[in-house]
Amino acid sequence: MTKRHTPYHSLANARIIPGLLFLLMPFMACKNDPKDITALTRKELHQVDKAEDVTLIYSEKGKVKARIFAKEYISNDIAKPPYMDMKSGIRAEVYNDSMKIESTLTANYARYYEKQGNFLIRDNIVVVNKKGETLNTEELVWNQSIQKFFTEKAVKITTPTLVMYGDGLEANQDFSWYRILNQKGTMLVDKAEVPH
């Protein structure tokens, strides 16, 4: 007489193996490439702040000296050096101590380096002072510590009676004083003929 084997042993294995696989599953998870992890957790992704329709206020000793209106604001704190970009156009107003506007500036682009206190302003720059004088240029640098504008690019200054051209300029913060570094020409104009 032959002995019959009960299928208990194979039945037990059939139940235990899936259970073990379920318990071991976390340890058998997919292996991640360290490069992929680094790409997902790069500091740059977490250190860039973006905003729209931002107003920046510059003050000294509790008095507002200027306000800058930016359509798009991007701050990158981990860049070397850190900066703030205003890519979609800016408008700046410079005030006197009575909060009256001394000059306005518009441009298509600006970048501010906070640690150095420098603004790099570019593309279609127009500065108008309270005397009605207008500066047109493609690049300006504003230095916060000495409160002056500089450029080495071509400039055009239009006053009620003159149009002046040159390369390079320095001017004070409210554009009430300026000097063309390499003047190339001056034209006398009739006040009625000056374009607005």
C-alpha atoms as a PDB file:
ATOM      1  CA  MET A   1       0.000   0.000   0.000  1.00  0.00           C
ATOM      2  CA  THR A   2       1.378   3.298  -1.009  1.00  0.00           C
ATOM      3  CA  LYS A   3       1.185   6.264   1.262  1.00  0.00           C
ATOM      4  CA  ARG A   4      -0.521   9.328  -0.017  1.00  0.00           C
ATOM      5  CA  HIS A   5       1.129  12.673   0.624  1.00  0.00           C
ATOM      6  CA  THR A   6      -1.185  15.435   1.631  1.00  0.00           C
ATOM      7  CA  PRO A   7      -0.716  18.639  -0.302  1.00  0.00           C
ATOM      8  CA  TYR A   8      -0.285  20.522   3.009  1.00  0.00           C
ATOM      9  CA  HIS A   9       3.389  21.299   2.353  1.00  0.00           C
ATOM     10  CA  SER A  10       2.794  22.745  -1.113  1.00  0.00           C
ATOM     11  CA  LEU A  11      -0.326  24.572   0.120  1.00  0.00           C
ATOM     12  CA  ALA A  12       1.651  26.223   2.893  1.00  0.00           C
ATOM     13  CA  ASN A  13       4.314  27.338   0.410  1.00  0.00           C
ATOM     14  CA  ALA A  14       1.654  28.741  -1.866  1.00  0.00           C
ATOM     15  CA  ARG A  15       0.414  30.951   0.987  1.00  0.00           C
ATOM     16  CA  ILE A  16       3.748  31.916   2.523  1.00  0.00           C
ATOM     17  CA  ILE A  17       5.612  32.948  -0.637  1.00  0.00           C
ATOM     18  CA  PRO A  18       3.163  35.682  -1.708  1.00  0.00           C
ATOM     19  CA  GLY A  19       3.113  36.949   1.885  1.00  0.00           C
ATOM     20  CA  LEU A  20       6.903  37.149   1.961  1.00  0.00           C
ATOM     21  CA  LEU A  21       6.985  38.885  -1.400  1.00  0.00           C
ATOM     22  CA  PHE A  22       4.499  41.464  -0.138  1.00  0.00           C
ATOM     23  CA  LEU A  23       6.635  42.118   2.963  1.00  0.00           C
ATOM     24  CA  LEU A  24       9.850  42.336   0.923  1.00  0.00           C
ATOM     25  CA  MET A  25       8.399  44.605  -1.741  1.00  0.00           C
ATOM     26  CA  PRO A  26       9.629  47.869  -0.175  1.00  0.00           C
ATOM     27  CA  PHE A  27      13.167  46.487  -0.220  1.00  0.00           C
ATOM     28  CA  MET A  28      12.920  45.479  -3.861  1.00  0.00           C
ATOM     29  CA  ALA A  29      11.753  48.943  -5.056  1.00  0.00           C
ATOM     30  CA  CYS A  30      13.181  50.475  -8.191  1.00  0.00           C
ATOM     31  CA  LYS A  31      16.678  51.856  -7.963  1.00  0.00           C
ATOM     32  CA  ASN A  32      16.900  55.653  -8.504  1.00  0.00           C
ATOM     33  CA  ASP A  33      19.714  57.233 -10.434  1.00  0.00           C
ATOM     34  CA  PRO A  34      21.476  59.811  -8.187  1.00  0.00           C
ATOM     35  CA  LYS A  35      21.668  62.206 -11.162  1.00  0.00           C
ATOM     36  CA  ASP A  36      17.869  62.137 -11.470  1.00  0.00           C
ATOM     37  CA  ILE A  37      17.459  62.885  -7.766  1.00  0.00           C
ATOM     38  CA  THR A  38      19.952  65.765  -7.957  1.00  0.00           C
ATOM     39  CA  ALA A  39      18.163  67.212 -10.986  1.00  0.00           C
ATOM     40  CA  LEU A  40      14.853  67.162  -9.117  1.00  0.00           C
ATOM     41  CA  THR A  41      16.235  68.695  -5.934  1.00  0.00           C
ATOM     42  CA  ARG A  42      18.630  71.267  -7.413  1.00  0.00           C
ATOM     43  CA  LYS A  43      18.800  74.417  -5.323  1.00  0.00           C
ATOM     44  CA  GLU A  44      18.022  76.604  -8.320  1.00  0.00           C
ATOM     45  CA  LEU A  45      14.518  75.178  -8.507  1.00  0.00           C
ATOM     46  CA  HIS A  46      13.833  76.198  -4.918  1.00  0.00           C
ATOM     47  CA  GLN A  47      15.678  79.533  -4.794  1.00  0.00           C
ATOM     48  CA  VAL A  48      14.032  81.415  -7.659  1.00  0.00           C
ATOM     49  CA  ASP A  49      11.082  83.592  -6.661  1.00  0.00           C
ATOM     50  CA  LYS A  50       8.698  84.907  -9.304  1.00  0.00           C
ATOM     51  CA  ALA A  51       5.974  87.503  -9.076  1.00  0.00           C
ATOM     52  CA  GLU A  52       3.957  89.815 -11.307  1.00  0.00           C
ATOM     53  CA  ASP A  53       3.067  93.496 -10.914  1.00  0.00           C
ATOM     54  CA  VAL A  54       5.603  94.220  -8.165  1.00  0.00           C
ATOM     55  CA  THR A  55       6.435  97.605  -6.606  1.00  0.00           C
ATOM     56  CA  LEU A  56       9.920  98.022  -5.118  1.00  0.00           C
ATOM     57  CA  ILE A  57      10.459 100.949  -2.749  1.00  0.00           C
ATOM     58  CA  TYR A  58      13.908 102.456  -2.207  1.00  0.00           C
ATOM     59  CA  SER A  59      14.236 104.621   0.895  1.00  0.00           C
ATOM     60  CA  GLU A  60      16.947 106.435   2.837  1.00  0.00           C
ATOM     61  CA  LYS A  61      16.633 107.396   6.500  1.00  0.00           C
ATOM     62  CA  GLY A  62      12.929 106.596   6.439  1.00  0.00           C
ATOM     63  CA  LYS A  63      12.194 108.700   3.343  1.00  0.00           C
ATOM     64  CA  VAL A  64      11.058 107.169   0.073  1.00  0.00           C
ATOM     65  CA  LYS A  65      13.517 108.130  -2.663  1.00  0.00           C
ATOM     66  CA  ALA A  66      12.247 105.978  -5.516  1.00  0.00           C
ATOM     67  CA  ARG A  67       9.592 103.476  -6.478  1.00  0.00           C
ATOM     68  CA  ILE A  68      10.060 100.900  -9.221  1.00  0.00           C
ATOM     69  CA  PHE A  69       7.084  99.214 -10.831  1.00  0.00           C
ATOM     70  CA  ALA A  70       7.868  95.899 -12.546  1.00  0.00           C
ATOM     71  CA  LYS A  71       5.446  93.774 -14.569  1.00  0.00           C
ATOM     72  CA  GLU A  72       7.469  90.601 -13.991  1.00  0.00           C
ATOM     73  CA  TYR A  73       9.893  90.080 -11.092  1.00  0.00           C
ATOM     74  CA  ILE A  74      12.313  87.153 -10.790  1.00  0.00           C
ATOM     75  CA  SER A  75      14.702  86.866  -7.835  1.00  0.00           C
ATOM     76  CA  ASN A  76      17.595  84.384  -7.856  1.00  0.00           C
ATOM     77  CA  ASP A  77      19.301  84.264  -4.451  1.00  0.00           C
ATOM     78  CA  ILE A  78      21.802  81.521  -5.257  1.00  0.00           C
ATOM     79  CA  ALA A  79      23.260  83.057  -8.409  1.00  0.00           C
ATOM     80  CA  LYS A  80      26.766  84.431  -8.050  1.00  0.00           C
ATOM     81  CA  PRO A  81      26.180  87.306  -7.483  1.00  0.00           C
ATOM     82  CA  PRO A  82      22.487  87.139  -6.514  1.00  0.00           C
ATOM     83  CA  TYR A  83      20.177  89.312  -8.612  1.00  0.00           C
ATOM     84  CA  MET A  84      16.598  90.382  -9.287  1.00  0.00           C
ATOM     85  CA  ASP A  85      15.382  90.501 -12.899  1.00  0.00           C
ATOM     86  CA  MET A  86      12.594  92.693 -14.223  1.00  0.00           C
ATOM     87  CA  LYS A  87      12.145  91.349 -17.760  1.00  0.00           C
ATOM     88  CA  SER A  88       8.827  92.679 -19.002  1.00  0.00           C
ATOM     89  CA  GLY A  89       9.346  96.394 -18.572  1.00  0.00           C
ATOM     90  CA  ILE A  90       9.838  98.758 -15.656  1.00  0.00           C
ATOM     91  CA  ARG A  91       8.812 102.255 -14.649  1.00  0.00           C
ATOM     92  CA  ALA A  92      10.688 104.143 -11.930  1.00  0.00           C
ATOM     93  CA  GLU A  93       9.782 107.371 -10.151  1.00  0.00           C
ATOM     94  CA  VAL A  94      12.433 109.359  -8.243  1.00  0.00           C
ATOM     95  CA  TYR A  95      11.142 111.651  -5.461  1.00  0.00           C
ATOM     96  CA  ASN A  96      12.413 114.685  -3.596  1.00  0.00           C
ATOM     97  CA  ASP A  97      12.043 115.055   0.186  1.00  0.00           C
ATOM     98  CA  SER A  98       8.476 116.349  -0.267  1.00  0.00           C
ATOM     99  CA  MET A  99       7.532 113.164  -2.193  1.00  0.00           C
ATOM    100  CA  LYS A 100       7.167 115.079  -5.454  1.00  0.00           C
ATOM    101  CA  ILE A 101       8.360 113.327  -8.600  1.00  0.00           C
ATOM    102  CA  GLU A 102      11.723 114.658  -9.765  1.00  0.00           C
ATOM    103  CA  SER A 103      12.163 112.275 -12.703  1.00  0.00           C
ATOM    104  CA  THR A 104      10.749 109.144 -14.297  1.00  0.00           C
ATOM    105  CA  LEU A 105      12.489 106.276 -16.053  1.00  0.00           C
ATOM    106  CA  THR A 106      11.013 103.598 -18.294  1.00  0.00           C
ATOM    107  CA  ALA A 107      12.823 100.645 -19.875  1.00  0.00           C
ATOM    108  CA  ASN A 108      12.145  97.171 -21.202  1.00  0.00           C
ATOM    109  CA  TYR A 109      14.519  95.362 -18.824  1.00  0.00           C
ATOM    110  CA  ALA A 110      16.400  95.835 -15.544  1.00  0.00           C
ATOM    111  CA  ARG A 111      18.562  93.663 -13.292  1.00  0.00           C
ATOM    112  CA  TYR A 112      19.365  94.622  -9.694  1.00  0.00           C
ATOM    113  CA  TYR A 113      22.446  93.308  -7.871  1.00  0.00           C
ATOM    114  CA  GLU A 114      21.480  93.920  -4.254  1.00  0.00           C
ATOM    115  CA  LYS A 115      24.880  93.242  -2.638  1.00  0.00           C
ATOM    116  CA  GLN A 116      26.659  95.664  -4.958  1.00  0.00           C
ATOM    117  CA  GLY A 117      23.765  98.126  -5.013  1.00  0.00           C
ATOM    118  CA  ASN A 118      23.828  98.330  -8.830  1.00  0.00           C
ATOM    119  CA  PHE A 119      20.978  98.419 -11.321  1.00  0.00           C
ATOM    120  CA  LEU A 120      21.698  97.381 -14.916  1.00  0.00           C
ATOM    121  CA  ILE A 121      18.949  98.876 -17.104  1.00  0.00           C
ATOM    122  CA  ARG A 122      18.601  98.033 -20.805  1.00  0.00           C
ATOM    123  CA  ASP A 123      16.519  98.399 -23.949  1.00  0.00           C
ATOM    124  CA  ASN A 124      14.530 101.470 -24.929  1.00  0.00           C
ATOM    125  CA  ILE A 125      15.412 103.603 -21.887  1.00  0.00           C
ATOM    126  CA  VAL A 126      13.655 106.968 -21.518  1.00  0.00           C
ATOM    127  CA  VAL A 127      14.415 109.274 -18.574  1.00  0.00           C
ATOM    128  CA  VAL A 128      12.465 112.525 -18.140  1.00  0.00           C
ATOM    129  CA  ASN A 129      13.305 115.096 -15.448  1.00  0.00           C
ATOM    130  CA  LYS A 130      11.077 117.803 -13.964  1.00  0.00           C
ATOM    131  CA  LYS A 131      12.537 120.391 -16.386  1.00  0.00           C
ATOM    132  CA  GLY A 132      11.157 118.360 -19.268  1.00  0.00           C
ATOM    133  CA  GLU A 133      14.569 117.153 -20.467  1.00  0.00           C
ATOM    134  CA  THR A 134      14.596 113.648 -21.934  1.00  0.00           C
ATOM    135  CA  LEU A 135      17.412 111.101 -22.103  1.00  0.00           C
ATOM    136  CA  ASN A 136      17.224 108.234 -24.602  1.00  0.00           C
ATOM    137  CA  THR A 137      19.756 105.383 -24.491  1.00  0.00           C
ATOM    138  CA  GLU A 138      19.979 101.591 -24.604  1.00  0.00           C
ATOM    139  CA  GLU A 139      21.899 100.921 -21.366  1.00  0.00           C
ATOM    140  CA  LEU A 140      22.345 102.575 -17.971  1.00  0.00           C
ATOM    141  CA  VAL A 141      23.990 101.501 -14.736  1.00  0.00           C
ATOM    142  CA  TRP A 142      22.771 103.052 -11.500  1.00  0.00           C
ATOM    143  CA  ASN A 143      25.131 102.876  -8.521  1.00  0.00           C
ATOM    144  CA  GLN A 144      23.257 103.076  -5.222  1.00  0.00           C
ATOM    145  CA  SER A 145      26.206 104.093  -3.033  1.00  0.00           C
ATOM    146  CA  ILE A 146      27.055 107.235  -5.041  1.00  0.00           C
ATOM    147  CA  GLN A 147      23.525 107.681  -6.446  1.00  0.00           C
ATOM    148  CA  LYS A 148      24.614 108.208 -10.044  1.00  0.00           C
ATOM    149  CA  PHE A 149      23.779 106.848 -13.472  1.00  0.00           C
ATOM    150  CA  PHE A 150      26.489 105.839 -15.942  1.00  0.00           C
ATOM    151  CA  THR A 151      26.605 104.577 -19.508  1.00  0.00           C
ATOM    152  CA  GLU A 152      29.180 104.102 -22.249  1.00  0.00           C
ATOM    153  CA  LYS A 153      26.495 103.684 -24.917  1.00  0.00           C
ATOM    154  CA  ALA A 154      25.145 106.256 -27.348  1.00  0.00           C
ATOM    155  CA  VAL A 155      22.886 108.870 -25.735  1.00  0.00           C
ATOM    156  CA  LYS A 156      20.464 111.505 -26.947  1.00  0.00           C
ATOM    157  CA  ILE A 157      19.316 114.329 -24.671  1.00  0.00           C
ATOM    158  CA  THR A 158      16.421 116.523 -25.736  1.00  0.00           C
ATOM    159  CA  THR A 159      15.827 119.838 -23.936  1.00  0.00           C
ATOM    160  CA  PRO A 160      13.281 122.570 -24.782  1.00  0.00           C
ATOM    161  CA  THR A 161      15.893 124.235 -27.035  1.00  0.00           C
ATOM    162  CA  LEU A 162      18.593 121.630 -27.843  1.00  0.00           C
ATOM    163  CA  VAL A 163      19.078 118.062 -28.977  1.00  0.00           C
ATOM    164  CA  MET A 164      22.496 116.663 -27.941  1.00  0.00           C
ATOM    165  CA  TYR A 165      24.143 113.429 -29.043  1.00  0.00           C
ATOM    166  CA  GLY A 166      27.134 111.575 -27.679  1.00  0.00           C
ATOM    167  CA  ASP A 167      28.684 108.401 -26.329  1.00  0.00           C
ATOM    168  CA  GLY A 168      28.774 107.913 -22.586  1.00  0.00           C
ATOM    169  CA  LEU A 169      27.057 109.827 -19.824  1.00  0.00           C
ATOM    170  CA  GLU A 170      27.025 110.329 -16.094  1.00  0.00           C
ATOM    171  CA  ALA A 171      24.074 111.841 -14.265  1.00  0.00           C
ATOM    172  CA  ASN A 172      22.755 112.216 -10.753  1.00  0.00           C
ATOM    173  CA  GLN A 173      19.867 110.147  -9.451  1.00  0.00           C
ATOM    174  CA  ASP A 174      17.061 112.551 -10.402  1.00  0.00           C
ATOM    175  CA  PHE A 175      18.647 113.538 -13.744  1.00  0.00           C
ATOM    176  CA  SER A 176      18.749 117.223 -12.710  1.00  0.00           C
ATOM    177  CA  TRP A 177      22.502 117.201 -13.537  1.00  0.00           C
ATOM    178  CA  TYR A 178      24.191 115.235 -16.336  1.00  0.00           C
ATOM    179  CA  ARG A 179      27.323 115.255 -18.458  1.00  0.00           C
ATOM    180  CA  ILE A 180      27.806 113.690 -21.873  1.00  0.00           C
ATOM    181  CA  LEU A 181      31.296 112.176 -21.898  1.00  0.00           C
ATOM    182  CA  ASN A 182      31.963 112.213 -25.650  1.00  0.00           C
ATOM    183  CA  GLN A 183      29.641 114.745 -27.232  1.00  0.00           C
ATOM    184  CA  LYS A 184      29.100 114.203 -30.958  1.00  0.00           C
ATOM    185  CA  GLY A 185      26.745 116.979 -31.909  1.00  0.00           C
ATOM    186  CA  THR A 186      24.211 119.568 -30.809  1.00  0.00           C
ATOM    187  CA  MET A 187      21.221 120.916 -32.681  1.00  0.00           C
ATOM    188  CA  LEU A 188      19.256 124.031 -31.796  1.00  0.00           C
ATOM    189  CA  VAL A 189      15.541 123.427 -32.060  1.00  0.00           C
ATOM    190  CA  ASP A 190      12.421 125.480 -31.816  1.00  0.00           C
ATOM    191  CA  LYS A 191      10.458 124.523 -28.726  1.00  0.00           C
ATOM    192  CA  ALA A 192       7.386 123.912 -30.898  1.00  0.00           C
ATOM    193  CA  GLU A 193       9.345 121.383 -32.997  1.00  0.00           C
ATOM    194  CA  VAL A 194      10.560 119.218 -30.122  1.00  0.00           C
ATOM    195  CA  PRO A 195       8.762 115.854 -30.288  1.00  0.00           C
ATOM    196  CA  HIS A 196       6.821 114.788 -27.220  1.00  0.00           C
END
